[in-house]
Amino acid sequence: MTRKAYDTDLNDQEWAKIEPYFSKHRTYKWPKRVLVNETLYVTKTGCQWRMLPHDFPLYLMVWSFFRRSMTTGWFQVNGR
């Protein structure tokens, strides 16, 4: 299924800046950029994980990616 663009998605310049931080992350069925965009959708809109739009990957995959990213510090802002 093709995913439509959302206002919360990263543009190409934003993704280029953070992509290196996710290059060593494990391989997923979905591209890492999509998983980052879905995580941003949840954090920016306050949507519940189980209520993700139908054109997103399964919520468990997005949540698992977010959880792993948090434990490794990839989503920490400005080193905090």
PDB file of N, CA and C in Angstrom:
ATOM      1  N   MET A   1       0.848  -1.181   0.000  1.00  0.00           N
ATOM      2  CA  MET A   1       0.000   0.000   0.000  1.00  0.00           C
ATOM      3  C   MET A   1       0.894   1.245   0.000  1.00  0.00           C
ATOM      4  N   THR A   2       0.567   2.215  -0.821  1.00  0.00           N
ATOM      5  CA  THR A   2       1.308   3.461  -0.875  1.00  0.00           C
ATOM      6  C   THR A   2       0.843   4.380   0.244  1.00  0.00           C
ATOM      7  N   ARG A   3       1.795   5.022   0.880  1.00  0.00           N
ATOM      8  CA  ARG A   3       1.500   5.906   1.996  1.00  0.00           C
ATOM      9  C   ARG A   3       1.430   7.336   1.486  1.00  0.00           C
ATOM     10  N   LYS A   4       0.413   8.072   1.918  1.00  0.00           N
ATOM     11  CA  LYS A   4       0.326   9.478   1.516  1.00  0.00           C
ATOM     12  C   LYS A   4       1.193  10.325   2.441  1.00  0.00           C
ATOM     13  N   ALA A   5       1.530  11.519   1.993  1.00  0.00           N
ATOM     14  CA  ALA A   5       2.350  12.422   2.803  1.00  0.00           C
ATOM     15  C   ALA A   5       1.488  13.110   3.861  1.00  0.00           C
ATOM     16  N   TYR A   6       2.083  13.334   5.026  1.00  0.00           N
ATOM     17  CA  TYR A   6       1.413  14.035   6.121  1.00  0.00           C
ATOM     18  C   TYR A   6       2.207  15.289   6.471  1.00  0.00           C
ATOM     19  N   ASP A   7       1.540  16.262   7.067  1.00  0.00           N
ATOM     20  CA  ASP A   7       2.204  17.509   7.456  1.00  0.00           C
ATOM     21  C   ASP A   7       3.334  17.276   8.450  1.00  0.00           C
ATOM     22  N   THR A   8       3.282  16.192   9.186  1.00  0.00           N
ATOM     23  CA  THR A   8       4.299  15.902  10.192  1.00  0.00           C
ATOM     24  C   THR A   8       5.535  15.222   9.615  1.00  0.00           C
ATOM     25  N   ASP A   9       5.518  14.866   8.337  1.00  0.00           N
ATOM     26  CA  ASP A   9       6.650  14.170   7.714  1.00  0.00           C
ATOM     27  C   ASP A   9       7.865  15.084   7.586  1.00  0.00           C
ATOM     28  N   LEU A  10       9.029  14.467   7.654  1.00  0.00           N
ATOM     29  CA  LEU A  10      10.270  15.195   7.416  1.00  0.00           C
ATOM     30  C   LEU A  10      10.420  15.476   5.926  1.00  0.00           C
ATOM     31  N   ASN A  11      10.966  16.645   5.604  1.00  0.00           N
ATOM     32  CA  ASN A  11      11.283  16.894   4.197  1.00  0.00           C
ATOM     33  C   ASN A  11      12.654  16.280   3.899  1.00  0.00           C
ATOM     34  N   ASP A  12      13.088  16.341   2.658  1.00  0.00           N
ATOM     35  CA  ASP A  12      14.346  15.698   2.263  1.00  0.00           C
ATOM     36  C   ASP A  12      15.554  16.269   2.996  1.00  0.00           C
ATOM     37  N   GLN A  13      15.586  17.578   3.207  1.00  0.00           N
ATOM     38  CA  GLN A  13      16.713  18.200   3.905  1.00  0.00           C
ATOM     39  C   GLN A  13      16.769  17.764   5.368  1.00  0.00           C
ATOM     40  N   GLU A  14      15.620  17.714   6.017  1.00  0.00           N
ATOM     41  CA  GLU A  14      15.577  17.282   7.419  1.00  0.00           C
ATOM     42  C   GLU A  14      16.018  15.824   7.550  1.00  0.00           C
ATOM     43  N   TRP A  15      15.520  14.981   6.651  1.00  0.00           N
ATOM     44  CA  TRP A  15      15.890  13.569   6.699  1.00  0.00           C
ATOM     45  C   TRP A  15      17.388  13.394   6.451  1.00  0.00           C
ATOM     46  N   ALA A  16      17.962  14.146   5.525  1.00  0.00           N
ATOM     47  CA  ALA A  16      19.391  14.033   5.226  1.00  0.00           C
ATOM     48  C   ALA A  16      20.243  14.336   6.459  1.00  0.00           C
ATOM     49  N   LYS A  17      19.765  15.228   7.321  1.00  0.00           N
ATOM     50  CA  LYS A  17      20.520  15.582   8.529  1.00  0.00           C
ATOM     51  C   LYS A  17      20.503  14.472   9.575  1.00  0.00           C
ATOM     52  N   ILE A  18      19.406  13.751   9.685  1.00  0.00           N
ATOM     53  CA  ILE A  18      19.324  12.743  10.746  1.00  0.00           C
ATOM     54  C   ILE A  18      19.518  11.308  10.261  1.00  0.00           C
ATOM     55  N   GLU A  19      19.482  11.092   8.963  1.00  0.00           N
ATOM     56  CA  GLU A  19      19.614   9.730   8.431  1.00  0.00           C
ATOM     57  C   GLU A  19      20.861   9.001   8.938  1.00  0.00           C
ATOM     58  N   PRO A  20      22.028   9.659   9.023  1.00  0.00           N
ATOM     59  CA  PRO A  20      23.218   8.939   9.503  1.00  0.00           C
ATOM     60  C   PRO A  20      23.047   8.331  10.899  1.00  0.00           C
ATOM     61  N   TYR A  21      22.225   8.923  11.729  1.00  0.00           N
ATOM     62  CA  TYR A  21      22.022   8.400  13.079  1.00  0.00           C
ATOM     63  C   TYR A  21      21.240   7.087  13.073  1.00  0.00           C
ATOM     64  N   PHE A  22      20.527   6.827  12.009  1.00  0.00           N
ATOM     65  CA  PHE A  22      19.730   5.608  11.915  1.00  0.00           C
ATOM     66  C   PHE A  22      20.353   4.563  10.988  1.00  0.00           C
ATOM     67  N   SER A  23      21.519   4.842  10.425  1.00  0.00           N
ATOM     68  CA  SER A  23      22.121   3.934   9.446  1.00  0.00           C
ATOM     69  C   SER A  23      22.541   2.601  10.055  1.00  0.00           C
ATOM     70  N   LYS A  24      22.888   2.584  11.338  1.00  0.00           N
ATOM     71  CA  LYS A  24      23.327   1.337  11.965  1.00  0.00           C
ATOM     72  C   LYS A  24      22.185   0.627  12.683  1.00  0.00           C
ATOM     73  N   HIS A  25      21.016   1.194  12.600  1.00  0.00           N
ATOM     74  CA  HIS A  25      19.840   0.592  13.227  1.00  0.00           C
ATOM     75  C   HIS A  25      19.495  -0.690  12.487  1.00  0.00           C
ATOM     76  N   ARG A  26      18.896  -1.626  13.165  1.00  0.00           N
ATOM     77  CA  ARG A  26      18.545  -2.906  12.535  1.00  0.00           C
ATOM     78  C   ARG A  26      17.664  -2.706  11.304  1.00  0.00           C
ATOM     79  N   THR A  27      17.545  -3.707  10.484  1.00  0.00           N
ATOM     80  CA  THR A  27      16.746  -3.648   9.267  1.00  0.00           C
ATOM     81  C   THR A  27      15.284  -3.936   9.586  1.00  0.00           C
ATOM     82  N   TYR A  28      14.405  -3.168   8.984  1.00  0.00           N
ATOM     83  CA  TYR A  28      12.968  -3.339   9.160  1.00  0.00           C
ATOM     84  C   TYR A  28      12.316  -3.577   7.806  1.00  0.00           C
ATOM     85  N   LYS A  29      11.091  -4.063   7.838  1.00  0.00           N
ATOM     86  CA  LYS A  29      10.325  -4.265   6.601  1.00  0.00           C
ATOM     87  C   LYS A  29      10.059  -2.922   5.927  1.00  0.00           C
ATOM     88  N   TRP A  30       9.849  -1.888   6.717  1.00  0.00           N
ATOM     89  CA  TRP A  30       9.567  -0.542   6.214  1.00  0.00           C
ATOM     90  C   TRP A  30      10.839   0.295   6.263  1.00  0.00           C
ATOM     91  N   PRO A  31      10.993   1.259   5.355  1.00  0.00           N
ATOM     92  CA  PRO A  31      12.157   2.150   5.401  1.00  0.00           C
ATOM     93  C   PRO A  31      12.192   2.931   6.720  1.00  0.00           C
ATOM     94  N   LYS A  32      13.387   3.208   7.189  1.00  0.00           N
ATOM     95  CA  LYS A  32      13.530   3.923   8.462  1.00  0.00           C
ATOM     96  C   LYS A  32      12.914   5.316   8.407  1.00  0.00           C
ATOM     97  N   ARG A  33      12.979   5.941   7.252  1.00  0.00           N
ATOM     98  CA  ARG A  33      12.368   7.269   7.134  1.00  0.00           C
ATOM     99  C   ARG A  33      10.870   7.203   7.404  1.00  0.00           C
ATOM    100  N   VAL A  34      10.209   6.177   6.908  1.00  0.00           N
ATOM    101  CA  VAL A  34       8.776   6.004   7.160  1.00  0.00           C
ATOM    102  C   VAL A  34       8.534   5.811   8.655  1.00  0.00           C
ATOM    103  N   LEU A  35       9.345   4.984   9.304  1.00  0.00           N
ATOM    104  CA  LEU A  35       9.168   4.735  10.735  1.00  0.00           C
ATOM    105  C   LEU A  35       9.416   5.999  11.561  1.00  0.00           C
ATOM    106  N   VAL A  36      10.407   6.785  11.167  1.00  0.00           N
ATOM    107  CA  VAL A  36      10.644   8.058  11.862  1.00  0.00           C
ATOM    108  C   VAL A  36       9.452   8.986  11.650  1.00  0.00           C
ATOM    109  N   ASN A  37       8.946   9.071  10.430  1.00  0.00           N
ATOM    110  CA  ASN A  37       7.785   9.926  10.160  1.00  0.00           C
ATOM    111  C   ASN A  37       6.570   9.497  10.971  1.00  0.00           C
ATOM    112  N   GLU A  38       6.358   8.188  11.113  1.00  0.00           N
ATOM    113  CA  GLU A  38       5.207   7.714  11.895  1.00  0.00           C
ATOM    114  C   GLU A  38       5.380   8.059  13.367  1.00  0.00           C
ATOM    115  N   THR A  39       6.608   7.937  13.853  1.00  0.00           N
ATOM    116  CA  THR A  39       6.893   8.307  15.242  1.00  0.00           C
ATOM    117  C   THR A  39       6.640   9.793  15.450  1.00  0.00           C
ATOM    118  N   LEU A  40       7.061  10.615  14.506  1.00  0.00           N
ATOM    119  CA  LEU A  40       6.808  12.054  14.605  1.00  0.00           C
ATOM    120  C   LEU A  40       5.316  12.351  14.559  1.00  0.00           C
ATOM    121  N   TYR A  41       4.573  11.592  13.778  1.00  0.00           N
ATOM    122  CA  TYR A  41       3.122  11.774  13.712  1.00  0.00           C
ATOM    123  C   TYR A  41       2.507  11.581  15.094  1.00  0.00           C
ATOM    124  N   VAL A  42       2.914  10.525  15.779  1.00  0.00           N
ATOM    125  CA  VAL A  42       2.371  10.248  17.118  1.00  0.00           C
ATOM    126  C   VAL A  42       2.775  11.341  18.098  1.00  0.00           C
ATOM    127  N   THR A  43       4.053  11.727  18.090  1.00  0.00           N
ATOM    128  CA  THR A  43       4.515  12.712  19.066  1.00  0.00           C
ATOM    129  C   THR A  43       3.975  14.115  18.784  1.00  0.00           C
ATOM    130  N   LYS A  44       3.751  14.448  17.532  1.00  0.00           N
ATOM    131  CA  LYS A  44       3.238  15.784  17.207  1.00  0.00           C
ATOM    132  C   LYS A  44       1.726  15.899  17.344  1.00  0.00           C
ATOM    133  N   THR A  45       1.001  14.816  17.064  1.00  0.00           N
ATOM    134  CA  THR A  45      -0.467  14.888  17.105  1.00  0.00           C
ATOM    135  C   THR A  45      -1.050  14.382  18.412  1.00  0.00           C
ATOM    136  N   GLY A  46      -0.282  13.598  19.157  1.00  0.00           N
ATOM    137  CA  GLY A  46      -0.805  13.015  20.386  1.00  0.00           C
ATOM    138  C   GLY A  46      -1.671  11.792  20.133  1.00  0.00           C
ATOM    139  N   CYS A  47      -1.646  11.297  18.928  1.00  0.00           N
ATOM    140  CA  CYS A  47      -2.421  10.113  18.544  1.00  0.00           C
ATOM    141  C   CYS A  47      -1.965   8.901  19.363  1.00  0.00           C
ATOM    142  N   GLN A  48      -2.890   8.048  19.722  1.00  0.00           N
ATOM    143  CA  GLN A  48      -2.526   6.798  20.386  1.00  0.00           C
ATOM    144  C   GLN A  48      -1.888   5.869  19.359  1.00  0.00           C
ATOM    145  N   TRP A  49      -0.949   5.036  19.833  1.00  0.00           N
ATOM    146  CA  TRP A  49      -0.250   4.133  18.917  1.00  0.00           C
ATOM    147  C   TRP A  49      -1.226   3.270  18.133  1.00  0.00           C
ATOM    148  N   ARG A  50      -2.243   2.752  18.782  1.00  0.00           N
ATOM    149  CA  ARG A  50      -3.189   1.853  18.115  1.00  0.00           C
ATOM    150  C   ARG A  50      -4.110   2.588  17.140  1.00  0.00           C
ATOM    151  N   MET A  51      -4.106   3.914  17.181  1.00  0.00           N
ATOM    152  CA  MET A  51      -4.995   4.705  16.335  1.00  0.00           C
ATOM    153  C   MET A  51      -4.276   5.295  15.113  1.00  0.00           C
ATOM    154  N   LEU A  52      -3.101   4.781  14.787  1.00  0.00           N
ATOM    155  CA  LEU A  52      -2.383   5.275  13.612  1.00  0.00           C
ATOM    156  C   LEU A  52      -3.231   5.075  12.355  1.00  0.00           C
ATOM    157  N   PRO A  53      -3.139   5.989  11.390  1.00  0.00           N
ATOM    158  CA  PRO A  53      -3.889   5.830  10.139  1.00  0.00           C
ATOM    159  C   PRO A  53      -3.576   4.492   9.463  1.00  0.00           C
ATOM    160  N   HIS A  54      -4.495   4.030   8.657  1.00  0.00           N
ATOM    161  CA  HIS A  54      -4.380   2.709   8.038  1.00  0.00           C
ATOM    162  C   HIS A  54      -3.261   2.595   7.010  1.00  0.00           C
ATOM    163  N   ASP A  55      -2.786   3.714   6.484  1.00  0.00           N
ATOM    164  CA  ASP A  55      -1.702   3.613   5.503  1.00  0.00           C
ATOM    165  C   ASP A  55      -0.326   3.622   6.164  1.00  0.00           C
ATOM    166  N   PHE A  56      -0.287   3.581   7.490  1.00  0.00           N
ATOM    167  CA  PHE A  56       0.961   3.483   8.235  1.00  0.00           C
ATOM    168  C   PHE A  56       1.296   2.010   8.444  1.00  0.00           C
ATOM    169  N   PRO A  57       2.568   1.716   8.777  1.00  0.00           N
ATOM    170  CA  PRO A  57       2.893   0.341   9.174  1.00  0.00           C
ATOM    171  C   PRO A  57       2.099  -0.025  10.433  1.00  0.00           C
ATOM    172  N   LEU A  58       2.055  -1.298  10.755  1.00  0.00           N
ATOM    173  CA  LEU A  58       1.371  -1.723  11.972  1.00  0.00           C
ATOM    174  C   LEU A  58       1.916  -0.964  13.174  1.00  0.00           C
ATOM    175  N   TYR A  59       1.025  -0.570  14.072  1.00  0.00           N
ATOM    176  CA  TYR A  59       1.435   0.250  15.209  1.00  0.00           C
ATOM    177  C   TYR A  59       2.510  -0.436  16.047  1.00  0.00           C
ATOM    178  N   LEU A  60       2.473  -1.754  16.169  1.00  0.00           N
ATOM    179  CA  LEU A  60       3.490  -2.450  16.966  1.00  0.00           C
ATOM    180  C   LEU A  60       4.884  -2.274  16.373  1.00  0.00           C
ATOM    181  N   MET A  61       4.989  -2.227  15.059  1.00  0.00           N
ATOM    182  CA  MET A  61       6.282  -2.021  14.421  1.00  0.00           C
ATOM    183  C   MET A  61       6.786  -0.601  14.685  1.00  0.00           C
ATOM    184  N   VAL A  62       5.899   0.379  14.570  1.00  0.00           N
ATOM    185  CA  VAL A  62       6.285   1.772  14.805  1.00  0.00           C
ATOM    186  C   VAL A  62       6.653   1.963  16.271  1.00  0.00           C
ATOM    187  N   TRP A  63       5.845   1.419  17.171  1.00  0.00           N
ATOM    188  CA  TRP A  63       6.116   1.545  18.603  1.00  0.00           C
ATOM    189  C   TRP A  63       7.426   0.862  18.966  1.00  0.00           C
ATOM    190  N   SER A  64       7.672  -0.312  18.412  1.00  0.00           N
ATOM    191  CA  SER A  64       8.913  -1.035  18.679  1.00  0.00           C
ATOM    192  C   SER A  64      10.122  -0.239  18.192  1.00  0.00           C
ATOM    193  N   PHE A  65      10.013   0.352  17.003  1.00  0.00           N
ATOM    194  CA  PHE A  65      11.085   1.194  16.477  1.00  0.00           C
ATOM    195  C   PHE A  65      11.329   2.383  17.404  1.00  0.00           C
ATOM    196  N   PHE A  66      10.256   3.033  17.839  1.00  0.00           N
ATOM    197  CA  PHE A  66      10.374   4.176  18.746  1.00  0.00           C
ATOM    198  C   PHE A  66      11.029   3.756  20.061  1.00  0.00           C
ATOM    199  N   ARG A  67      10.583   2.647  20.635  1.00  0.00           N
ATOM    200  CA  ARG A  67      11.116   2.175  21.917  1.00  0.00           C
ATOM    201  C   ARG A  67      12.605   1.870  21.796  1.00  0.00           C
ATOM    202  N   ARG A  68      12.998   1.174  20.749  1.00  0.00           N
ATOM    203  CA  ARG A  68      14.423   0.869  20.550  1.00  0.00           C
ATOM    204  C   ARG A  68      15.233   2.149  20.336  1.00  0.00           C
ATOM    205  N   SER A  69      14.664   3.073  19.606  1.00  0.00           N
ATOM    206  CA  SER A  69      15.357   4.338  19.355  1.00  0.00           C
ATOM    207  C   SER A  69      15.526   5.140  20.637  1.00  0.00           C
ATOM    208  N   MET A  70      14.535   5.114  21.498  1.00  0.00           N
ATOM    209  CA  MET A  70      14.625   5.834  22.774  1.00  0.00           C
ATOM    210  C   MET A  70      15.680   5.214  23.685  1.00  0.00           C
ATOM    211  N   THR A  71      15.747   3.904  23.745  1.00  0.00           N
ATOM    212  CA  THR A  71      16.711   3.255  24.637  1.00  0.00           C
ATOM    213  C   THR A  71      18.145   3.451  24.168  1.00  0.00           C
ATOM    214  N   THR A  72      18.341   3.695  22.890  1.00  0.00           N
ATOM    215  CA  THR A  72      19.686   3.944  22.384  1.00  0.00           C
ATOM    216  C   THR A  72      20.008   5.434  22.310  1.00  0.00           C
ATOM    217  N   GLY A  73      19.040   6.283  22.608  1.00  0.00           N
ATOM    218  CA  GLY A  73      19.277   7.720  22.651  1.00  0.00           C
ATOM    219  C   GLY A  73      19.113   8.442  21.333  1.00  0.00           C
ATOM    220  N   TRP A  74      18.592   7.786  20.298  1.00  0.00           N
ATOM    221  CA  TRP A  74      18.480   8.427  18.989  1.00  0.00           C
ATOM    222  C   TRP A  74      17.467   9.552  18.936  1.00  0.00           C
ATOM    223  N   PHE A  75      16.471   9.526  19.802  1.00  0.00           N
ATOM    224  CA  PHE A  75      15.460  10.577  19.776  1.00  0.00           C
ATOM    225  C   PHE A  75      15.697  11.647  20.835  1.00  0.00           C
ATOM    226  N   GLN A  76      16.845  11.637  21.483  1.00  0.00           N
ATOM    227  CA  GLN A  76      17.135  12.679  22.459  1.00  0.00           C
ATOM    228  C   GLN A  76      17.440  13.974  21.718  1.00  0.00           C
ATOM    229  N   VAL A  77      16.915  15.058  22.240  1.00  0.00           N
ATOM    230  CA  VAL A  77      17.079  16.358  21.593  1.00  0.00           C
ATOM    231  C   VAL A  77      18.233  17.108  22.238  1.00  0.00           C
ATOM    232  N   ASN A  78      19.157  17.587  21.417  1.00  0.00           N
ATOM    233  CA  ASN A  78      20.280  18.395  21.881  1.00  0.00           C
ATOM    234  C   ASN A  78      21.065  17.737  23.006  1.00  0.00           C
ATOM    235  N   GLY A  79      21.174  16.440  22.978  1.00  0.00           N
ATOM    236  CA  GLY A  79      21.974  15.736  23.975  1.00  0.00           C
ATOM    237  C   GLY A  79      21.351  15.662  25.350  1.00  0.00           C
ATOM    238  N   ARG A  80      20.067  15.992  25.470  1.00  0.00           N
ATOM    239  CA  ARG A  80      19.408  15.934  26.782  1.00  0.00           C
ATOM    240  C   ARG A  80      18.654  14.656  26.945  1.00  0.00           C
TER     241      ARG A  80
END
